[in-house]
Amino acid sequence: MIANDVQLSALVTDWTRIPVSEPSPGIKRQMVVGKNVMICRFTFEPFLVTPEHTHPHEQMTLVVKGRVRFFIDGIEKIVGPGDVLHFPPNNRHGATMMDEEVVLIDIFSPIREDFLR
């Protein structure tokens, strides 16, 4: 083992035990962070808009609750519970929540260092 490596332990928990932060009004975020991957649970208020953006991280999104109008490389796609989206690195995407609360599970690799600040 390299001295600078951090030894991570296995974790078994549930979302009720994960701290909730509010990175912006109308958005709640919970995170479990590993060495190379992170999972985030986002809760969005109805009609909230996340502007189109890119990032170097690969992202998988699972829609748990609600309906979302995604814009992916300029193409509109409406998704709902059970839908899974894959965003390769640097893929342009944004979302508008529809008329109810939305819960998304996002998985990122590598971890989003910007979320940790």
C-alpha atoms as a PDB file:
ATOM      1  CA  MET A   1       0.000   0.000   0.000  1.00  0.00           C
ATOM      2  CA  ILE A   2       1.249   3.478  -0.888  1.00  0.00           C
ATOM      3  CA  ALA A   3       1.542   5.787   2.140  1.00  0.00           C
ATOM      4  CA  ASN A   4      -0.710   8.442   0.558  1.00  0.00           C
ATOM      5  CA  ASP A   5      -3.534   5.994  -0.157  1.00  0.00           C
ATOM      6  CA  VAL A   6      -6.580   6.306   2.039  1.00  0.00           C
ATOM      7  CA  GLN A   7      -7.932   3.003   3.307  1.00  0.00           C
ATOM      8  CA  LEU A   8     -11.707   2.958   2.855  1.00  0.00           C
ATOM      9  CA  SER A   9     -13.975   0.625   4.790  1.00  0.00           C
ATOM     10  CA  ALA A  10     -17.028  -1.165   3.497  1.00  0.00           C
ATOM     11  CA  LEU A  11     -20.225   0.758   4.241  1.00  0.00           C
ATOM     12  CA  VAL A  12     -23.778  -0.434   4.758  1.00  0.00           C
ATOM     13  CA  THR A  13     -26.289   2.303   5.475  1.00  0.00           C
ATOM     14  CA  ASP A  14     -29.520   3.877   4.247  1.00  0.00           C
ATOM     15  CA  TRP A  15     -30.380   7.351   2.959  1.00  0.00           C
ATOM     16  CA  THR A  16     -31.934   8.413   6.288  1.00  0.00           C
ATOM     17  CA  ARG A  17     -28.430   8.354   7.823  1.00  0.00           C
ATOM     18  CA  ILE A  18     -26.709  10.354   5.079  1.00  0.00           C
ATOM     19  CA  PRO A  19     -26.385  14.112   5.776  1.00  0.00           C
ATOM     20  CA  VAL A  20     -28.456  16.416   3.566  1.00  0.00           C
ATOM     21  CA  SER A  21     -26.983  19.600   2.091  1.00  0.00           C
ATOM     22  CA  GLU A  22     -28.656  22.324   0.026  1.00  0.00           C
ATOM     23  CA  PRO A  23     -26.203  23.358  -2.697  1.00  0.00           C
ATOM     24  CA  SER A  24     -28.834  25.738  -4.178  1.00  0.00           C
ATOM     25  CA  PRO A  25     -32.384  26.783  -3.268  1.00  0.00           C
ATOM     26  CA  GLY A  26     -34.808  23.985  -4.148  1.00  0.00           C
ATOM     27  CA  ILE A  27     -32.101  21.297  -4.318  1.00  0.00           C
ATOM     28  CA  LYS A  28     -31.227  18.789  -1.582  1.00  0.00           C
ATOM     29  CA  ARG A  29     -28.183  16.536  -2.027  1.00  0.00           C
ATOM     30  CA  GLN A  30     -26.910  13.467  -0.184  1.00  0.00           C
ATOM     31  CA  MET A  31     -23.594  11.822  -1.080  1.00  0.00           C
ATOM     32  CA  VAL A  32     -21.726   8.589  -0.461  1.00  0.00           C
ATOM     33  CA  VAL A  33     -18.166   8.992  -1.682  1.00  0.00           C
ATOM     34  CA  GLY A  34     -15.681   6.242  -2.483  1.00  0.00           C
ATOM     35  CA  LYS A  35     -12.186   6.421  -3.882  1.00  0.00           C
ATOM     36  CA  ASN A  36     -13.165   6.359  -7.596  1.00  0.00           C
ATOM     37  CA  VAL A  37     -16.939   6.635  -7.653  1.00  0.00           C
ATOM     38  CA  MET A  38     -19.666   8.563  -5.847  1.00  0.00           C
ATOM     39  CA  ILE A  39     -23.417   8.248  -5.604  1.00  0.00           C
ATOM     40  CA  CYS A  40     -25.663  11.244  -4.969  1.00  0.00           C
ATOM     41  CA  ARG A  41     -29.342  11.398  -4.164  1.00  0.00           C
ATOM     42  CA  PHE A  42     -30.881  14.668  -5.320  1.00  0.00           C
ATOM     43  CA  THR A  43     -34.329  15.967  -4.427  1.00  0.00           C
ATOM     44  CA  PHE A  44     -35.596  18.841  -6.591  1.00  0.00           C
ATOM     45  CA  GLU A  45     -38.605  21.086  -6.094  1.00  0.00           C
ATOM     46  CA  PRO A  46     -41.177  21.160  -8.923  1.00  0.00           C
ATOM     47  CA  PHE A  47     -40.321  23.330 -11.944  1.00  0.00           C
ATOM     48  CA  LEU A  48     -36.692  23.803 -10.858  1.00  0.00           C
ATOM     49  CA  VAL A  49     -34.278  24.266 -13.776  1.00  0.00           C
ATOM     50  CA  THR A  50     -30.691  23.024 -13.864  1.00  0.00           C
ATOM     51  CA  PRO A  51     -28.900  24.880 -16.679  1.00  0.00           C
ATOM     52  CA  GLU A  52     -27.191  22.957 -19.464  1.00  0.00           C
ATOM     53  CA  HIS A  53     -23.604  22.154 -18.543  1.00  0.00           C
ATOM     54  CA  THR A  54     -20.749  19.725 -19.129  1.00  0.00           C
ATOM     55  CA  HIS A  55     -18.238  18.065 -16.828  1.00  0.00           C
ATOM     56  CA  PRO A  56     -15.385  15.616 -17.357  1.00  0.00           C
ATOM     57  CA  HIS A  57     -17.075  12.957 -15.210  1.00  0.00           C
ATOM     58  CA  GLU A  58     -19.048  10.011 -16.538  1.00  0.00           C
ATOM     59  CA  GLN A  59     -22.565  10.110 -15.069  1.00  0.00           C
ATOM     60  CA  MET A  60     -25.392   7.619 -14.705  1.00  0.00           C
ATOM     61  CA  THR A  61     -28.792   8.908 -13.544  1.00  0.00           C
ATOM     62  CA  LEU A  62     -31.721   6.870 -12.254  1.00  0.00           C
ATOM     63  CA  VAL A  63     -35.092   8.624 -11.977  1.00  0.00           C
ATOM     64  CA  VAL A  64     -36.667   7.474  -8.699  1.00  0.00           C
ATOM     65  CA  LYS A  65     -39.624   9.864  -8.472  1.00  0.00           C
ATOM     66  CA  GLY A  66     -41.223  12.512 -10.673  1.00  0.00           C
ATOM     67  CA  ARG A  67     -40.844  13.496 -14.302  1.00  0.00           C
ATOM     68  CA  VAL A  68     -37.977  15.477 -15.790  1.00  0.00           C
ATOM     69  CA  ARG A  69     -37.492  17.233 -19.126  1.00  0.00           C
ATOM     70  CA  PHE A  70     -33.822  16.630 -19.977  1.00  0.00           C
ATOM     71  CA  PHE A  71     -31.947  18.442 -22.706  1.00  0.00           C
ATOM     72  CA  ILE A  72     -29.128  16.221 -23.947  1.00  0.00           C
ATOM     73  CA  ASP A  73     -26.896  17.663 -26.644  1.00  0.00           C
ATOM     74  CA  GLY A  74     -29.811  19.948 -27.576  1.00  0.00           C
ATOM     75  CA  ILE A  75     -32.379  17.133 -27.818  1.00  0.00           C
ATOM     76  CA  GLU A  76     -35.373  17.145 -25.450  1.00  0.00           C
ATOM     77  CA  LYS A  77     -36.250  13.896 -23.669  1.00  0.00           C
ATOM     78  CA  ILE A  78     -38.942  13.509 -20.979  1.00  0.00           C
ATOM     79  CA  VAL A  79     -38.158  10.769 -18.456  1.00  0.00           C
ATOM     80  CA  GLY A  80     -39.868   9.309 -15.407  1.00  0.00           C
ATOM     81  CA  PRO A  81     -39.473   6.761 -12.614  1.00  0.00           C
ATOM     82  CA  GLY A  82     -37.363   3.781 -13.590  1.00  0.00           C
ATOM     83  CA  ASP A  83     -35.639   5.523 -16.510  1.00  0.00           C
ATOM     84  CA  VAL A  84     -31.836   5.428 -16.581  1.00  0.00           C
ATOM     85  CA  LEU A  85     -29.672   7.985 -18.383  1.00  0.00           C
ATOM     86  CA  HIS A  86     -25.985   7.734 -19.273  1.00  0.00           C
ATOM     87  CA  PHE A  87     -23.945  10.879 -19.821  1.00  0.00           C
ATOM     88  CA  PRO A  88     -20.442  10.234 -21.182  1.00  0.00           C
ATOM     89  CA  PRO A  89     -17.694  12.645 -20.091  1.00  0.00           C
ATOM     90  CA  ASN A  90     -18.148  16.193 -21.479  1.00  0.00           C
ATOM     91  CA  ASN A  91     -21.715  15.496 -22.672  1.00  0.00           C
ATOM     92  CA  ARG A  92     -23.864  18.671 -22.636  1.00  0.00           C
ATOM     93  CA  HIS A  93     -27.021  18.223 -20.543  1.00  0.00           C
ATOM     94  CA  GLY A  94     -29.517  20.097 -18.360  1.00  0.00           C
ATOM     95  CA  ALA A  95     -32.918  19.440 -16.864  1.00  0.00           C
ATOM     96  CA  THR A  96     -36.238  21.036 -15.987  1.00  0.00           C
ATOM     97  CA  MET A  97     -38.336  19.378 -13.303  1.00  0.00           C
ATOM     98  CA  MET A  98     -41.972  18.893 -14.208  1.00  0.00           C
ATOM     99  CA  ASP A  99     -44.941  19.572 -11.898  1.00  0.00           C
ATOM    100  CA  GLU A 100     -43.939  17.434  -8.899  1.00  0.00           C
ATOM    101  CA  GLU A 101     -40.978  16.781  -6.613  1.00  0.00           C
ATOM    102  CA  VAL A 102     -38.208  14.850  -8.373  1.00  0.00           C
ATOM    103  CA  VAL A 103     -35.744  12.392  -6.837  1.00  0.00           C
ATOM    104  CA  LEU A 104     -32.704  11.348  -8.881  1.00  0.00           C
ATOM    105  CA  ILE A 105     -29.821   9.031  -8.072  1.00  0.00           C
ATOM    106  CA  ASP A 106     -26.642  10.178  -9.832  1.00  0.00           C
ATOM    107  CA  ILE A 107     -23.482   8.087  -9.984  1.00  0.00           C
ATOM    108  CA  PHE A 108     -20.252   9.809 -10.998  1.00  0.00           C
ATOM    109  CA  SER A 109     -16.815   8.523 -11.887  1.00  0.00           C
ATOM    110  CA  PRO A 110     -14.359   9.847 -11.015  1.00  0.00           C
ATOM    111  CA  ILE A 111     -15.799  11.554  -7.952  1.00  0.00           C
ATOM    112  CA  ARG A 112     -17.008  15.145  -8.278  1.00  0.00           C
ATOM    113  CA  GLU A 113     -14.360  16.993  -6.284  1.00  0.00           C
ATOM    114  CA  ASP A 114     -16.373  20.205  -6.835  1.00  0.00           C
ATOM    115  CA  PHE A 115     -19.233  18.674  -4.805  1.00  0.00           C
ATOM    116  CA  LEU A 116     -16.892  18.117  -1.841  1.00  0.00           C
ATOM    117  CA  ARG A 117     -15.989  21.800  -1.446  1.00  0.00           C
END
